[in-house]
Protein backbone atom coordinates (compact mmCIF):
# COMPACT_ATOMS: atom_id res chain seq x y z
CA MET A 1 -18.54 -1.77 43.23
CA ILE A 2 -22.20 -2.57 44.72
CA ARG A 3 -21.85 -5.79 43.09
CA THR A 4 -18.56 -6.70 44.08
CA ARG A 5 -19.58 -5.98 47.98
CA VAL A 6 -22.93 -8.47 47.38
CA TRP A 7 -20.01 -11.04 45.81
CA ALA A 8 -17.65 -10.55 48.57
CA GLY A 9 -20.96 -10.86 50.90
CA MET A 10 -21.46 -14.12 49.65
CA VAL A 11 -18.07 -15.30 49.63
CA LEU A 12 -17.76 -14.85 53.39
CA ALA A 13 -21.26 -16.26 53.91
CA LEU A 14 -19.88 -19.68 52.46
CA VAL A 15 -16.75 -19.98 53.97
CA LEU A 16 -18.56 -19.03 58.09
CA THR A 17 -21.32 -21.43 56.75
CA PHE A 18 -18.87 -24.36 55.51
CA ALA A 19 -15.56 -24.53 57.26
CA GLY A 20 -17.35 -25.46 60.07
CA PRO A 21 -16.38 -25.01 63.87
CA GLY A 22 -12.77 -25.27 63.26
CA GLY A 23 -12.47 -23.08 60.85
CA GLN A 24 -15.04 -20.59 62.25
CA GLN A 25 -12.96 -20.19 65.26
CA ALA A 26 -9.75 -19.69 63.09
CA TRP A 27 -11.80 -16.77 61.16
CA ALA A 28 -12.51 -15.30 64.50
CA GLN A 29 -9.29 -15.29 65.15
CA SER A 30 -8.17 -13.11 62.45
CA SER A 31 -11.13 -12.27 60.71
CA GLY A 32 -9.42 -8.78 59.30
CA PHE A 33 -7.30 -10.77 57.30
CA GLY A 34 -9.93 -13.39 56.05
CA ARG A 35 -12.29 -10.36 55.71
CA ALA A 36 -9.85 -8.55 53.99
CA VAL A 37 -8.95 -11.65 51.40
CA ALA A 38 -12.98 -12.73 50.99
CA GLU A 39 -13.23 -8.91 49.83
CA ALA A 40 -10.17 -8.43 47.83
CA ALA A 41 -10.49 -12.26 45.77
CA ALA A 42 -14.58 -11.46 44.82
CA ILE A 43 -13.29 -8.60 42.50
CA ASP A 44 -11.50 -11.78 40.36
CA PRO A 45 -13.72 -14.88 39.90
CA ALA A 46 -10.75 -17.19 40.06
CA LEU A 47 -9.19 -15.91 42.81
CA ALA A 48 -12.47 -15.86 44.80
CA VAL A 49 -13.20 -19.51 43.90
CA PHE A 50 -9.45 -19.97 44.84
CA TYR A 51 -9.29 -18.84 48.45
CA GLY A 52 -12.82 -19.91 49.15
CA ALA A 53 -11.86 -23.26 48.55
CA ARG A 54 -9.28 -23.11 50.87
CA ALA A 55 -11.32 -20.87 53.88
CA GLN A 56 -9.06 -17.80 52.94
CA ALA A 57 -5.74 -19.88 54.33
CA PRO A 58 -2.63 -17.57 53.37
CA LEU A 59 -0.36 -18.70 50.42
CA TRP A 60 2.05 -15.68 50.59
CA THR A 61 1.44 -13.95 53.59
CA THR A 62 3.13 -16.40 56.74
CA PRO A 63 6.74 -16.91 57.88
CA GLU A 64 6.12 -20.72 56.19
CA ASP A 65 5.30 -19.28 52.83
CA ALA A 66 8.97 -17.55 52.73
CA ASP A 67 9.57 -19.96 49.85
CA ARG A 68 6.91 -19.30 47.91
CA ARG A 69 7.53 -15.18 48.49
CA HIS A 70 11.49 -15.34 46.98
CA ALA A 71 10.82 -17.62 44.04
CA LEU A 72 7.62 -15.33 43.13
CA PHE A 73 10.02 -12.39 43.50
CA SER A 74 12.78 -14.19 41.40
CA ALA A 75 10.57 -14.60 38.68
CA LEU A 76 9.27 -11.22 38.40
CA GLU A 77 12.28 -9.30 39.19
CA ALA A 78 13.64 -11.42 36.13
CA ALA A 79 10.67 -11.20 34.03
CA ALA A 80 12.46 -8.29 31.61
CA HIS A 81 14.61 -11.03 30.23
CA HIS A 82 11.79 -12.20 28.51
CA GLY A 83 10.25 -9.17 27.08
CA LEU A 84 7.56 -9.06 29.17
CA PRO A 85 5.79 -5.71 31.15
CA THR A 86 7.37 -6.01 34.22
CA ALA A 87 4.80 -3.14 35.83
CA ARG A 88 2.08 -5.04 35.90
CA TYR A 89 3.18 -7.22 38.47
CA ASP A 90 4.85 -4.43 40.44
CA ALA A 91 7.38 -6.37 42.43
CA ALA A 92 8.53 -3.17 43.93
CA GLY A 93 5.13 -2.23 45.58
CA LEU A 94 4.84 -5.46 46.69
CA ARG A 95 7.87 -5.75 48.56
CA ALA A 96 7.24 -2.45 49.74
CA ARG A 97 3.89 -3.22 50.89
CA PHE A 98 5.35 -6.16 53.37
CA GLU A 99 7.83 -3.90 54.52
CA ARG A 100 5.04 -1.49 56.45
CA LEU A 101 2.67 -3.85 57.11
CA ALA A 102 0.54 -2.89 60.02
CA SER A 103 -2.58 -4.40 60.59
CA GLU A 104 -4.03 -7.63 59.36
CA ARG A 105 -6.21 -6.32 56.81
CA GLU A 106 -3.60 -4.91 55.18
CA ARG A 107 -1.80 -8.14 55.19
CA GLY A 108 -4.83 -10.00 53.67
CA LEU A 109 -5.44 -7.08 50.81
CA LEU A 110 -1.70 -7.83 50.71
CA GLU A 111 -2.50 -11.76 50.34
CA VAL A 112 -4.62 -11.24 47.05
CA ALA A 113 -2.72 -8.48 45.51
CA MET A 114 0.39 -11.23 45.28
CA SER A 115 -2.00 -13.56 43.88
CA ALA A 116 -2.88 -11.04 41.35
CA ALA A 117 0.35 -10.88 40.63
CA PHE A 118 1.60 -14.72 40.27
CA LEU A 119 -1.76 -14.98 37.86
CA ALA A 120 -1.05 -12.18 35.73
CA TYR A 121 3.13 -13.14 35.25
CA ALA A 122 2.33 -17.04 35.08
CA GLN A 123 -0.20 -16.47 32.05
CA ASP A 124 2.01 -13.87 30.66
CA VAL A 125 4.97 -16.05 30.62
CA SER A 126 3.51 -19.10 29.52
CA THR A 127 0.85 -17.97 27.11
CA GLY A 128 1.80 -14.61 25.97
CA ALA A 129 1.43 -10.99 27.50
CA LEU A 130 -0.92 -9.57 24.79
CA ASP A 131 -4.05 -10.98 22.91
CA PRO A 132 -2.84 -11.01 19.13
CA LYS A 133 -6.04 -10.76 17.73
CA ALA A 134 -7.20 -7.31 19.20
CA VAL A 135 -3.79 -6.47 17.67
CA ASP A 136 -3.71 -7.41 14.41
CA ALA A 137 -7.07 -9.29 12.76
CA GLY A 138 -4.70 -11.42 10.62
CA ILE A 139 -3.31 -13.33 13.85
CA VAL A 140 -6.22 -15.97 14.54
CA ARG A 141 -4.33 -18.48 16.61
CA GLU A 142 -6.20 -19.65 18.81
CA ILE A 143 -3.79 -19.85 22.05
CA ALA A 144 -4.45 -21.94 24.80
CA ARG A 145 -4.62 -19.89 27.83
CA ARG A 146 -3.86 -22.34 31.57
CA ASP A 147 -6.72 -22.47 33.66
CA ARG A 148 -6.14 -19.43 36.25
CA VAL A 149 -7.51 -21.49 39.02
CA ASP A 150 -5.45 -24.73 38.41
CA LEU A 151 -2.54 -22.16 38.15
CA LEU A 152 -2.65 -21.12 41.58
CA THR A 153 -3.69 -24.70 43.05
CA GLY A 154 -1.16 -26.07 40.71
CA PHE A 155 1.60 -23.68 42.96
CA ALA A 156 0.19 -24.36 46.14
CA ALA A 157 0.72 -27.49 45.94
CA ALA A 158 4.43 -28.07 44.02
CA ASP A 159 7.70 -26.98 44.49
CA PRO A 160 7.47 -23.16 43.96
CA ALA A 161 10.56 -22.21 41.96
CA GLN A 162 10.21 -25.56 40.03
CA PHE A 163 6.51 -24.38 39.49
CA LEU A 164 7.63 -20.60 38.06
CA ARG A 165 10.73 -22.27 35.88
CA ALA A 166 8.33 -24.72 34.06
CA LEU A 167 6.10 -21.64 33.23
CA PRO A 168 7.94 -20.83 30.14
CA PRO A 169 8.12 -22.38 26.77
CA SER A 170 10.61 -25.58 26.53
CA ALA A 171 11.55 -24.73 23.47
CA PRO A 172 14.86 -24.63 22.68
CA GLN A 173 14.06 -22.03 20.32
CA TYR A 174 12.84 -19.31 23.42
CA ALA A 175 16.15 -20.10 25.08
CA GLN A 176 18.05 -19.55 22.67
CA LEU A 177 16.06 -15.76 21.55
CA MET A 178 16.11 -15.16 24.94
CA LYS A 179 20.19 -15.37 25.20
CA ALA A 180 20.15 -13.31 21.57
CA ARG A 181 17.68 -10.60 23.41
CA LEU A 182 21.07 -10.48 26.70
CA ASP A 183 23.51 -10.16 23.64
CA LEU A 184 21.73 -7.59 22.42
CA ALA A 185 20.95 -5.58 24.96
CA ARG A 186 24.75 -5.60 25.65
CA THR A 187 25.55 -4.69 22.60
CA ILE A 188 23.21 -1.76 23.13
CA GLY A 189 25.13 -0.73 25.92
CA GLN A 190 28.25 -0.92 24.54
CA GLY A 191 27.09 2.00 22.03
CA GLY A 192 26.15 -0.87 18.95
CA TRP A 193 27.51 -2.05 15.77
CA GLY A 194 29.36 1.09 15.02
CA ALA A 195 28.52 3.58 12.38
CA PRO A 196 26.30 2.76 9.17
CA VAL A 197 28.07 2.00 5.57
CA PRO A 198 27.29 4.39 3.49
CA GLY A 199 27.19 4.83 0.14
CA GLY A 200 25.75 2.78 -2.61
CA ALA A 201 26.25 -0.89 -3.70
CA LEU A 202 29.54 -2.55 -3.09
CA LYS A 203 31.02 -5.01 -4.67
CA PRO A 204 34.08 -7.37 -4.79
CA GLY A 205 37.56 -5.33 -5.83
CA ALA A 206 35.94 -2.33 -4.27
CA THR A 207 38.26 0.06 -1.49
CA GLY A 208 37.81 2.80 0.43
CA ALA A 209 36.05 4.16 3.36
CA ALA A 210 32.36 2.58 2.66
CA VAL A 211 34.18 -1.13 2.37
CA ILE A 212 36.24 -0.29 5.54
CA ALA A 213 33.09 1.04 7.20
CA LEU A 214 31.11 -2.60 5.92
CA ARG A 215 33.64 -4.65 7.27
CA ASP A 216 34.00 -3.08 10.42
CA ARG A 217 30.10 -3.42 10.77
CA LEU A 218 30.27 -7.28 9.99
CA PHE A 219 33.44 -7.80 11.95
CA ALA A 220 31.28 -6.37 14.88
CA MET A 221 28.40 -8.49 14.19
CA GLY A 222 30.85 -11.65 14.38
CA TYR A 223 30.30 -12.48 10.87
CA MET A 224 34.30 -12.07 10.01
CA GLY A 225 37.56 -12.26 11.71
CA ARG A 226 39.81 -8.40 12.37
CA SER A 227 41.40 -7.44 9.69
CA ALA A 228 42.85 -3.97 8.57
CA THR A 229 42.32 -4.62 4.41
CA ALA A 230 41.07 -1.47 2.78
CA SER A 231 39.73 -3.46 -0.27
CA TYR A 232 36.48 -5.73 -0.40
CA ASP A 233 38.44 -8.71 -0.53
CA GLY A 234 37.73 -12.86 -0.48
CA ASP A 235 37.06 -12.73 3.30
CA LEU A 236 35.07 -9.67 3.11
CA GLN A 237 32.44 -11.54 0.20
CA LYS A 238 32.06 -14.53 2.19
CA ALA A 239 31.08 -12.78 5.52
CA VAL A 240 28.42 -10.76 3.41
CA GLN A 241 27.66 -13.70 1.88
CA GLN A 242 27.06 -15.55 4.76
CA PHE A 243 25.25 -12.61 6.15
CA GLN A 244 23.16 -12.75 2.91
CA ILE A 245 21.90 -15.99 4.09
CA ASP A 246 21.07 -15.78 7.38
CA HIS A 247 18.73 -12.63 6.66
CA GLY A 248 16.64 -14.10 3.20
CA LEU A 249 18.51 -12.58 0.79
CA PRO A 250 20.14 -13.71 -2.80
CA PRO A 251 23.84 -15.10 -1.49
CA ASP A 252 25.94 -13.12 -3.99
CA GLY A 253 28.21 -11.93 -2.20
CA VAL A 254 27.05 -8.02 -3.37
CA ALA A 255 26.68 -5.58 -0.66
CA GLY A 256 23.51 -4.18 -3.11
CA GLU A 257 20.67 -1.93 -2.14
CA SER A 258 18.94 -4.78 0.14
CA THR A 259 21.71 -5.98 1.65
CA LEU A 260 22.93 -2.58 3.07
CA ALA A 261 19.77 -1.94 4.36
CA GLU A 262 19.90 -4.95 5.89
CA ILE A 263 23.13 -4.60 7.40
CA ASN A 264 22.18 -0.94 8.64
CA ARG A 265 19.61 -2.03 10.69
CA SER A 266 20.36 -1.25 14.07
CA PRO A 267 20.41 -3.42 17.24
CA GLN A 268 17.38 -2.04 18.75
CA ASP A 269 15.65 -3.39 15.47
CA ARG A 270 16.77 -6.45 16.10
CA LEU A 271 15.94 -6.35 19.56
CA ARG A 272 12.46 -5.35 18.59
CA ALA A 273 11.98 -8.67 16.57
CA VAL A 274 13.46 -10.40 18.76
CA THR A 275 11.02 -9.63 22.03
CA VAL A 276 7.90 -10.06 19.32
CA ALA A 277 9.54 -13.15 18.57
CA LEU A 278 9.20 -14.55 21.85
CA GLU A 279 5.70 -13.67 22.65
CA ARG A 280 4.82 -15.64 19.43
CA LEU A 281 6.66 -18.26 20.76
CA ARG A 282 4.69 -17.97 24.11
CA TRP A 283 1.66 -18.06 22.21
CA MET A 284 2.50 -21.02 20.83
CA ASN A 285 3.28 -22.76 23.82
CA GLY A 286 1.39 -26.12 24.96
CA LEU A 287 0.52 -26.62 21.41
CA ASP A 288 1.65 -30.01 20.21
CA LEU A 289 3.56 -29.67 16.68
CA GLY A 290 3.46 -32.79 15.75
CA ALA A 291 6.58 -35.26 15.70
CA ARG A 292 6.28 -34.73 11.69
CA HIS A 293 5.01 -30.89 11.36
CA ILE A 294 5.35 -28.43 8.51
CA TRP A 295 5.94 -24.82 9.22
CA VAL A 296 4.99 -22.09 7.18
CA ASN A 297 7.28 -18.97 8.50
CA LEU A 298 5.61 -16.20 5.72
CA PRO A 299 8.09 -13.52 5.91
CA ASP A 300 11.14 -16.27 5.24
CA PHE A 301 8.50 -17.23 2.15
CA SER A 302 9.63 -20.64 2.95
CA ALA A 303 7.77 -23.98 3.77
CA ARG A 304 9.39 -26.81 5.59
CA ILE A 305 8.70 -29.94 6.61
CA ILE A 306 10.26 -30.88 10.25
CA ASP A 307 10.40 -34.52 11.21
CA HIS A 308 11.70 -34.64 14.77
CA GLY A 309 13.32 -31.68 14.74
CA LYS A 310 15.25 -31.97 11.50
CA VAL A 311 14.41 -30.38 8.31
CA THR A 312 13.75 -32.95 6.15
CA PHE A 313 11.93 -30.78 3.05
CA GLU A 314 12.32 -27.29 2.27
CA THR A 315 10.56 -25.21 -0.66
CA VAL A 316 10.60 -21.27 -1.21
CA THR A 317 6.57 -20.16 -1.20
CA VAL A 318 4.49 -17.18 -2.41
CA VAL A 319 2.47 -15.75 0.17
CA GLY A 320 -0.40 -13.13 0.35
CA MET A 321 0.32 -9.93 -1.02
CA ASP A 322 0.39 -6.95 1.74
CA GLN A 323 -3.28 -5.49 1.49
CA PRO A 324 -5.56 -5.92 4.24
CA ASP A 325 -7.67 -8.58 2.51
CA ARG A 326 -5.25 -10.55 1.20
CA ARG A 327 -2.77 -11.07 4.10
CA SER A 328 -1.85 -14.37 4.95
CA PRO A 329 -3.08 -15.51 8.46
CA GLU A 330 -1.64 -17.10 10.97
CA PHE A 331 -2.73 -20.07 12.65
CA SER A 332 -2.40 -23.88 13.24
CA ASP A 333 -4.43 -26.81 11.63
CA GLN A 334 -4.41 -30.16 10.65
CA MET A 335 -3.61 -30.81 6.94
CA GLU A 336 -5.64 -33.84 5.64
CA HIS A 337 -5.98 -34.66 2.07
CA MET A 338 -4.40 -33.53 -1.37
CA VAL A 339 -6.20 -33.02 -4.55
CA ILE A 340 -4.47 -33.95 -7.65
CA ASN A 341 -5.81 -31.46 -10.49
CA PRO A 342 -7.58 -29.53 -8.79
CA SER A 343 -10.57 -27.09 -9.86
CA TRP A 344 -10.44 -23.38 -8.79
CA SER A 345 -13.23 -22.35 -7.09
CA VAL A 346 -13.01 -18.59 -7.11
CA PRO A 347 -13.32 -17.28 -3.73
CA ARG A 348 -16.91 -15.01 -3.74
CA SER A 349 -14.62 -12.19 -2.87
CA ILE A 350 -12.42 -12.47 -6.06
CA THR A 351 -15.39 -12.80 -8.13
CA VAL A 352 -17.03 -9.89 -6.91
CA LYS A 353 -14.46 -7.20 -6.49
CA GLU A 354 -12.21 -8.48 -9.72
CA TYR A 355 -14.19 -10.50 -11.97
CA LEU A 356 -17.71 -8.86 -12.31
CA PRO A 357 -16.58 -5.37 -12.88
CA MET A 358 -14.23 -7.11 -15.31
CA MET A 359 -17.21 -8.98 -17.13
CA GLN A 360 -19.74 -6.17 -16.98
CA ARG A 361 -17.16 -4.42 -19.08
CA ASN A 362 -16.84 -7.70 -21.36
CA PRO A 363 -19.52 -10.24 -20.98
CA ASN A 364 -16.52 -12.68 -22.33
CA ALA A 365 -13.49 -11.45 -19.99
CA ALA A 366 -11.76 -14.33 -17.76
CA GLY A 367 -13.42 -16.50 -20.60
CA HIS A 368 -11.49 -19.41 -18.79
CA LEU A 369 -13.76 -19.42 -16.02
CA LYS A 370 -17.39 -21.11 -15.93
CA LEU A 371 -20.24 -19.85 -14.14
CA ILE A 372 -21.95 -21.64 -12.17
CA ASP A 373 -25.74 -21.32 -10.87
CA SER A 374 -27.58 -22.17 -7.18
CA ARG A 375 -28.12 -25.42 -8.62
CA GLY A 376 -24.84 -26.56 -10.00
CA ARG A 377 -24.90 -25.80 -13.91
CA VAL A 378 -23.21 -24.09 -16.52
CA VAL A 379 -24.79 -21.07 -17.66
CA PRO A 380 -23.48 -19.48 -20.84
CA ARG A 381 -22.39 -15.71 -20.82
CA SER A 382 -24.99 -15.00 -23.41
CA ALA A 383 -27.31 -15.49 -20.85
CA ILE A 384 -26.66 -13.57 -17.88
CA ASN A 385 -27.08 -9.21 -18.35
CA PHE A 386 -23.73 -8.69 -16.08
CA ALA A 387 -25.05 -4.94 -15.08
CA GLN A 388 -28.20 -5.91 -13.44
CA TYR A 389 -26.15 -7.09 -10.76
CA ASN A 390 -23.50 -5.80 -7.92
CA ALA A 391 -21.36 -7.30 -5.73
CA ARG A 392 -24.28 -8.03 -2.99
CA SER A 393 -26.76 -9.59 -5.39
CA PHE A 394 -24.21 -11.51 -8.08
CA PRO A 395 -25.97 -15.10 -8.04
CA TYR A 396 -23.17 -16.62 -9.37
CA ALA A 397 -19.95 -19.10 -8.37
CA MET A 398 -17.30 -18.69 -10.79
CA GLN A 399 -14.82 -22.18 -11.39
CA GLN A 400 -11.78 -23.23 -13.39
CA PRO A 401 -11.84 -26.92 -14.70
CA PRO A 402 -8.67 -28.87 -13.94
CA SER A 403 -5.89 -27.77 -16.19
CA ASP A 404 -2.02 -27.05 -17.00
CA GLY A 405 -2.94 -22.89 -16.34
CA ASN A 406 -5.65 -23.66 -13.58
CA ALA A 407 -4.30 -20.81 -10.61
CA LEU A 408 -4.27 -23.84 -8.19
CA GLY A 409 -1.81 -25.61 -10.38
CA LEU A 410 -1.78 -29.22 -10.77
CA VAL A 411 -2.38 -29.87 -6.99
CA LYS A 412 -3.38 -28.33 -3.87
CA PHE A 413 -2.64 -29.27 0.19
CA MET A 414 -5.79 -28.80 2.23
CA PHE A 415 -6.06 -28.20 5.79
CA PRO A 416 -9.59 -27.24 5.90
CA ASN A 417 -9.91 -23.97 7.50
CA PRO A 418 -12.89 -20.37 7.85
CA TRP A 419 -10.33 -18.65 5.85
CA ASN A 420 -10.23 -20.64 2.75
CA ILE A 421 -6.40 -20.97 3.15
CA TYR A 422 -4.47 -23.89 1.49
CA LEU A 423 -0.96 -24.23 0.58
CA HIS A 424 -0.83 -25.21 -3.77
CA ASP A 425 0.98 -25.12 -6.97
CA THR A 426 1.03 -22.56 -9.12
CA PRO A 427 1.24 -21.84 -13.26
CA SER A 428 2.90 -18.26 -12.06
CA LYS A 429 6.61 -20.00 -11.58
CA SER A 430 8.39 -16.67 -12.27
CA LEU A 431 7.39 -15.54 -8.82
CA PHE A 432 9.83 -17.87 -6.93
CA SER A 433 12.99 -16.06 -8.31
CA ARG A 434 11.74 -12.85 -6.91
CA GLU A 435 13.25 -11.39 -3.32
CA VAL A 436 9.70 -10.61 -1.77
CA ARG A 437 6.86 -12.70 -2.87
CA ALA A 438 3.93 -11.21 -1.80
CA PHE A 439 1.79 -11.87 -4.43
CA SER A 440 -1.52 -14.37 -3.69
CA HIS A 441 -4.45 -13.21 -2.18
CA GLY A 442 -3.72 -15.07 1.41
CA CYS A 443 -3.21 -19.01 0.52
CA ILE A 444 0.59 -20.42 0.10
CA ARG A 445 2.04 -20.90 -3.06
CA VAL A 446 4.67 -23.75 -3.12
CA GLY A 447 7.73 -23.89 -5.36
CA ARG A 448 8.29 -27.48 -5.06
CA PRO A 449 4.62 -29.06 -5.14
CA PHE A 450 4.94 -32.14 -6.60
CA ASP A 451 7.88 -33.22 -4.26
CA LEU A 452 5.85 -31.86 -1.39
CA ALA A 453 3.41 -34.56 -2.09
CA TYR A 454 5.88 -37.12 -2.80
CA ALA A 455 6.97 -36.30 1.10
CA LEU A 456 3.43 -36.37 2.10
CA LEU A 457 2.74 -39.42 0.43
CA ALA A 458 6.30 -41.60 1.74
CA PRO A 459 4.78 -42.91 5.21
CA GLN A 460 1.73 -44.47 3.14
CA SER A 461 3.24 -45.52 -0.41
CA ASP A 462 5.99 -47.58 -1.83
CA ASP A 463 6.09 -45.64 -4.38
CA PRO A 464 5.32 -41.99 -3.67
CA GLN A 465 5.97 -40.84 -7.27
CA ASP A 466 4.50 -43.26 -9.27
CA ASP A 467 1.39 -43.44 -7.27
CA PHE A 468 1.23 -39.61 -7.25
CA GLN A 469 2.24 -39.03 -11.16
CA ARG A 470 -1.01 -42.05 -12.25
CA HIS A 471 -3.67 -39.82 -10.70
CA LEU A 472 -1.84 -36.98 -12.58
CA ASP A 473 -1.87 -38.49 -15.63
CA SER A 474 -5.75 -39.41 -15.25
CA GLY A 475 -6.77 -36.21 -15.70
CA ARG A 476 -9.35 -36.26 -13.41
CA GLU A 477 -9.34 -34.05 -10.01
CA THR A 478 -9.16 -36.73 -7.40
CA THR A 479 -8.70 -36.69 -3.80
CA VAL A 480 -5.68 -38.43 -1.88
CA ARG A 481 -6.34 -38.51 2.22
CA LEU A 482 -3.34 -38.46 4.53
CA GLU A 483 -3.65 -41.88 6.45
CA THR A 484 -1.58 -39.59 9.61
CA PRO A 485 -3.17 -36.11 9.17
CA VAL A 486 0.12 -33.58 9.40
CA PRO A 487 -0.04 -30.47 11.61
CA VAL A 488 1.25 -27.22 9.50
CA HIS A 489 1.84 -24.18 11.01
CA LEU A 490 1.61 -20.91 9.16
CA VAL A 491 3.75 -18.87 11.87
CA TYR A 492 5.11 -14.96 11.27
CA PHE A 493 8.53 -14.61 12.42
CA THR A 494 10.88 -12.14 11.67
CA ALA A 495 14.01 -13.58 14.35
CA TRP A 496 14.26 -17.64 14.02
CA PRO A 497 17.50 -19.08 15.76
CA MET A 498 19.17 -21.82 13.82
CA PRO A 499 20.72 -25.00 15.61
CA LYS A 500 23.91 -23.55 16.43
CA GLY A 501 22.10 -20.36 18.28
CA ARG A 502 22.46 -17.39 15.28
CA ILE A 503 19.80 -15.79 14.77
CA GLU A 504 18.10 -15.24 11.03
CA TYR A 505 15.84 -12.27 10.41
CA ARG A 506 13.51 -11.58 8.24
CA ARG A 507 12.05 -8.02 7.14
CA ASP A 508 8.30 -7.39 8.51
CA VAL A 509 6.57 -7.56 5.54
CA TYR A 510 3.18 -7.12 6.81
CA GLY A 511 3.94 -4.33 9.22
CA ARG A 512 2.47 -7.03 12.11
CA ASP A 513 5.50 -7.08 13.91
CA ALA A 514 5.52 -3.68 14.25
CA LEU A 515 2.45 -3.39 15.65
CA LEU A 516 3.09 -6.49 18.01
CA PHE A 517 6.09 -4.35 19.50
CA ALA A 518 3.69 -1.46 19.98
CA ALA A 519 1.03 -2.77 21.36
CA LEU A 520 3.84 -4.62 24.34
CA GLN A 521 5.39 -1.01 24.68
CA LYS A 522 1.99 0.22 25.65
CA ALA A 523 1.48 -3.09 28.12
CA GLY A 524 4.58 -2.06 29.72
CA VAL A 525 7.42 -3.46 27.90
CA GLU A 526 10.65 -1.59 28.09
CA LEU A 527 13.82 -2.78 26.44
CA PRO A 528 17.12 -1.03 26.61
CA GLY A 529 17.71 1.87 24.22
CA ILE A 530 14.05 1.99 22.92
CA GLY A 531 11.52 4.36 24.67
CA GLY A 532 9.10 2.60 27.13
């Protein structure tokens, strides 16, 4: 408190010193207001700088500021539609303070409170209400937070309503998710999608009460028209298949265990996913995705090349398994090159946690891997007493030379980053047929690695397939640089809009959405039908 008062006194002294005779006169005429502004703003350096630069001139609290007040209150009252913590801005409390103003000091304190509410809202709606790294260590995305002084200065000089409308992400998916949020809130208010579908698997040709429940629920979700049939007919099968496509399930038209589990999810569950997706998009606001970029959605187990907003390449993926040190992180970077016929330098964590105990039991274990000393020399296993080392003291690296059985397969795609994450081929092709594909140590295994290489090389080669094959046939480890680096985004969206507006949903394979929604609730986000 003493430090705050000293800072307020310094700001006040600077204003009186540099404002000039006219400024001192204005201060004298409204000293209660000016002193209150300086005192309240001193708690926040950005507010102190902003008000100090304008000699404590008001932004919100004069009759001339009516348009700004109206624009901000309108935005704050609509903040819930964005899934934001409205209590953080206390619009009702600010309005009440305007109604009971009784002194210039109160006006000065309210002036700063309005700016503080504006800053809280502006940052939340533009770049997110949470610090993701504080919620989950696997979310290592860098967020381009806007400078708080610049926000205030820009707002003061702009059309207020237009400035506030421009704060949320402009990506079309954001507007689609907001519409989905309103639709889900309406559905919850009307009682949801009806009773869950009972029983076990349902197949075409089945009849009975469970089929009727399945039909009614898919109708309520918009997957089929109204029907009176009690049999699992062709229309119901098509509706199930479309639902499966939208939820990342094998589209076999059979309402098996996984499909029914997703069909029976409540609209409240889907509203949580949409709310978290809005927050994740806000974290990426201001990030230039790139006219051409690679979009790796972890819970969708997919990687896509997006060219000017259109998907031009798509492949299935395997992502990190659901263990604390193996989950694939979320971040954006630049893909710079690919390595054909790569060697695999085994990560230190795998070397000492997995292979060292194996070699202590059997020195010839993992014999396909070479042991390399600090000078880069291959060391024969017969020369090593594995028992004398532990995870800290083990002095050797491990490496697998290029081969068809190499853990990285025949090509890897590099975007150098502190977490040593990249996309790569794999000899373990069978995993791509699994429904849930979380098996790696963190890197992204690609189902169509050669086709991805051809697509990436196409802008710089007349015959990308031939060029790639020539390097591959050499058997030598070869680095091929991308003449134009391609942005790559590792994201985690369990709710994502399709071009026509329908929302695709995926399972929360790492539990990250659950953690983020809990953090949003703790911050004050309240949703219909979900406890605050």
